[in-house]
Protein backbone atom coordinates (compact mmCIF):
# COMPACT_ATOMS: atom_id res chain seq x y z
CA UNK A 1 69.12 74.50 224.01
CA UNK A 2 71.73 72.21 222.44
CA UNK A 3 70.78 69.37 224.79
CA UNK A 4 67.11 69.56 223.79
CA UNK A 5 68.02 69.56 220.12
CA UNK A 6 70.29 66.55 220.65
CA UNK A 7 67.54 64.66 222.51
CA UNK A 8 65.03 65.44 219.75
CA UNK A 9 67.44 64.23 217.05
CA UNK A 10 68.09 60.99 218.96
CA UNK A 11 64.34 60.43 219.47
CA UNK A 12 63.61 60.96 215.76
CA UNK A 13 66.44 58.60 214.78
CA UNK A 14 65.21 55.92 217.23
CA UNK A 15 61.63 56.23 215.93
CA UNK A 16 62.78 55.94 212.31
CA UNK A 17 64.92 52.92 213.18
CA UNK A 18 62.00 51.26 214.96
CA UNK A 19 59.71 51.79 211.96
CA UNK A 20 62.38 50.42 209.60
CA UNK A 21 62.84 47.26 211.68
CA UNK A 22 59.09 46.66 211.87
CA UNK A 23 58.68 47.26 208.13
CA UNK A 24 61.36 44.66 207.36
CA UNK A 25 59.88 42.22 209.94
CA UNK A 26 63.34 41.20 211.20
CA UNK A 27 62.06 39.06 214.10
CA UNK A 28 65.07 40.02 216.24
CA UNK A 29 67.65 39.33 213.54
CA UNK A 30 70.35 41.87 212.85
CA UNK A 31 71.84 40.09 209.83
CA UNK A 32 69.85 39.15 206.74
CA UNK A 33 70.88 36.31 204.40
CA UNK A 34 69.63 36.83 200.86
CA UNK A 35 66.02 37.98 200.58
CA UNK A 36 62.87 36.14 201.54
CA UNK A 37 62.27 33.34 204.01
CA UNK A 38 63.92 30.46 202.15
CA UNK A 39 66.27 29.41 199.35
CA UNK A 40 65.36 26.57 196.98
CA UNK A 41 68.28 24.62 195.50
CA UNK A 42 68.99 21.39 193.61
CA UNK A 43 71.35 18.70 194.90
CA UNK A 44 74.97 19.49 194.07
CA UNK A 45 74.26 23.17 193.43
CA UNK A 46 76.52 25.91 194.86
CA UNK A 47 75.53 29.47 195.66
CA UNK A 48 77.30 32.45 197.23
CA UNK A 49 75.30 33.79 200.17
CA UNK A 50 74.94 37.57 200.45
CA UNK A 51 74.70 38.84 204.02
CA UNK A 52 73.42 42.33 204.84
CA UNK A 53 72.99 44.31 208.02
CA UNK A 54 69.34 44.12 209.09
CA UNK A 55 69.27 47.71 210.24
CA UNK A 56 71.31 49.61 207.65
CA UNK A 57 70.99 47.19 204.73
CA UNK A 58 74.69 47.38 203.86
CA UNK A 59 76.60 44.23 202.88
CA UNK A 60 78.60 42.49 205.64
CA UNK A 61 81.70 40.54 204.59
CA UNK A 62 84.14 40.44 207.51
CA UNK A 63 84.58 37.58 209.97
CA UNK A 64 81.35 35.67 209.32
CA UNK A 65 80.77 32.13 210.58
CA UNK A 66 78.07 29.85 209.25
CA UNK A 67 76.38 26.83 210.82
CA UNK A 68 73.80 24.36 209.58
CA UNK A 69 71.12 22.33 211.33
CA UNK A 70 71.74 19.48 208.84
CA UNK A 71 75.10 19.50 207.08
CA UNK A 72 74.10 16.54 204.88
CA UNK A 73 71.39 18.70 203.30
CA UNK A 74 73.19 22.06 203.10
CA UNK A 75 76.26 23.74 204.57
CA UNK A 76 78.17 26.97 204.02
CA UNK A 77 81.91 27.49 204.31
CA UNK A 78 83.69 30.52 205.82
CA UNK A 79 83.55 32.43 202.54
CA UNK A 80 79.76 32.06 202.37
CA UNK A 81 79.54 29.46 199.60
CA UNK A 82 76.43 27.37 200.21
CA UNK A 83 76.55 23.76 198.98
CA UNK A 84 73.40 21.68 198.58
CA UNK A 85 73.72 17.98 199.38
CA UNK A 86 70.87 15.51 199.80
CA UNK A 87 67.25 16.57 199.52
CA UNK A 88 65.63 17.90 202.64
CA UNK A 89 65.58 21.05 204.75
CA UNK A 90 68.31 22.79 206.74
CA UNK A 91 68.51 26.14 208.47
CA UNK A 92 71.70 28.10 207.81
CA UNK A 93 72.65 30.56 210.56
CA UNK A 94 75.29 33.28 210.21
CA UNK A 95 77.20 34.88 213.10
CA UNK A 96 79.46 37.92 212.99
CA UNK A 97 82.20 39.05 215.39
CA UNK A 98 79.78 41.43 217.16
CA UNK A 99 77.36 38.64 218.08
CA UNK A 100 74.74 39.54 215.48
CA UNK A 101 72.92 36.59 213.88
CA UNK A 102 70.61 35.81 211.01
CA UNK A 103 69.24 32.64 209.47
CA UNK A 104 67.47 31.31 206.41
CA UNK A 105 65.80 28.02 205.51
CA UNK A 106 67.39 26.04 202.67
CA UNK A 107 65.20 23.54 200.80
CA UNK A 108 67.09 21.07 198.62
CA UNK A 109 65.40 18.84 196.05
CA UNK A 110 66.79 15.97 193.97
CA UNK A 111 68.68 12.71 194.64
CA UNK A 112 68.06 10.47 197.67
CA UNK A 113 67.01 11.78 201.04
CA UNK A 114 69.72 12.06 203.69
CA UNK A 115 67.87 9.62 205.98
CA UNK A 116 67.84 6.96 203.24
CA UNK A 117 71.60 7.20 202.76
CA UNK A 118 72.28 6.99 206.51
CA UNK A 119 70.04 3.93 206.79
CA UNK A 120 71.86 2.26 203.89
CA UNK A 121 75.23 2.97 205.54
CA UNK A 122 74.08 1.42 208.84
CA UNK A 123 72.84 -1.72 207.04
CA UNK A 124 76.10 -1.99 205.10
CA UNK A 125 78.17 -1.60 208.30
CA UNK A 126 76.10 -4.25 210.12
CA UNK A 127 76.53 -6.69 207.21
CA UNK A 128 80.29 -6.04 207.13
CA UNK A 129 80.60 -6.68 210.87
CA UNK A 130 78.56 -9.88 210.55
CA UNK A 131 80.73 -11.29 207.77
CA UNK A 132 84.00 -10.23 209.40
CA UNK A 133 83.16 -11.97 212.69
CA UNK A 134 82.11 -15.21 210.99
CA UNK A 135 84.61 -18.04 211.60
CA UNK A 136 85.27 -21.37 209.87
CA UNK A 137 82.32 -23.10 211.52
CA UNK A 138 79.95 -20.67 209.83
CA UNK A 139 78.56 -19.29 213.08
CA UNK A 140 79.11 -15.61 213.82
CA UNK A 141 81.30 -14.74 216.81
CA UNK A 142 82.46 -18.32 217.66
CA UNK A 143 86.17 -19.05 217.95
């Protein structure tokens, strides 16, 4: 009798959990960053990310690690502070010690695009190399 009751309780809990996950549309994620599909920020802005358990909805604070697909656009430190850099898009992913993950898209507007700055740095470096290798005859690379 006790075994049947236990099995029924487990089945009801599993069904409720399944309905909750489908209602929240977690797409396999067990951690949720903020609410919604994306965060819109301005260049130079900082924001503390709030991470919750996807199943229970309780805040998660311990031993989180963050990564970014484009650190020039946005990156988060170990304490969850998100910093917006150049305009563009980056996906921030959070990992906890149990292997659970979650991610959110960060859209940053304002200032120059990250690609423009990288291109300018490459041109500046090429010009510096050219002028540093120039000798007294005025031809680059001759000694």
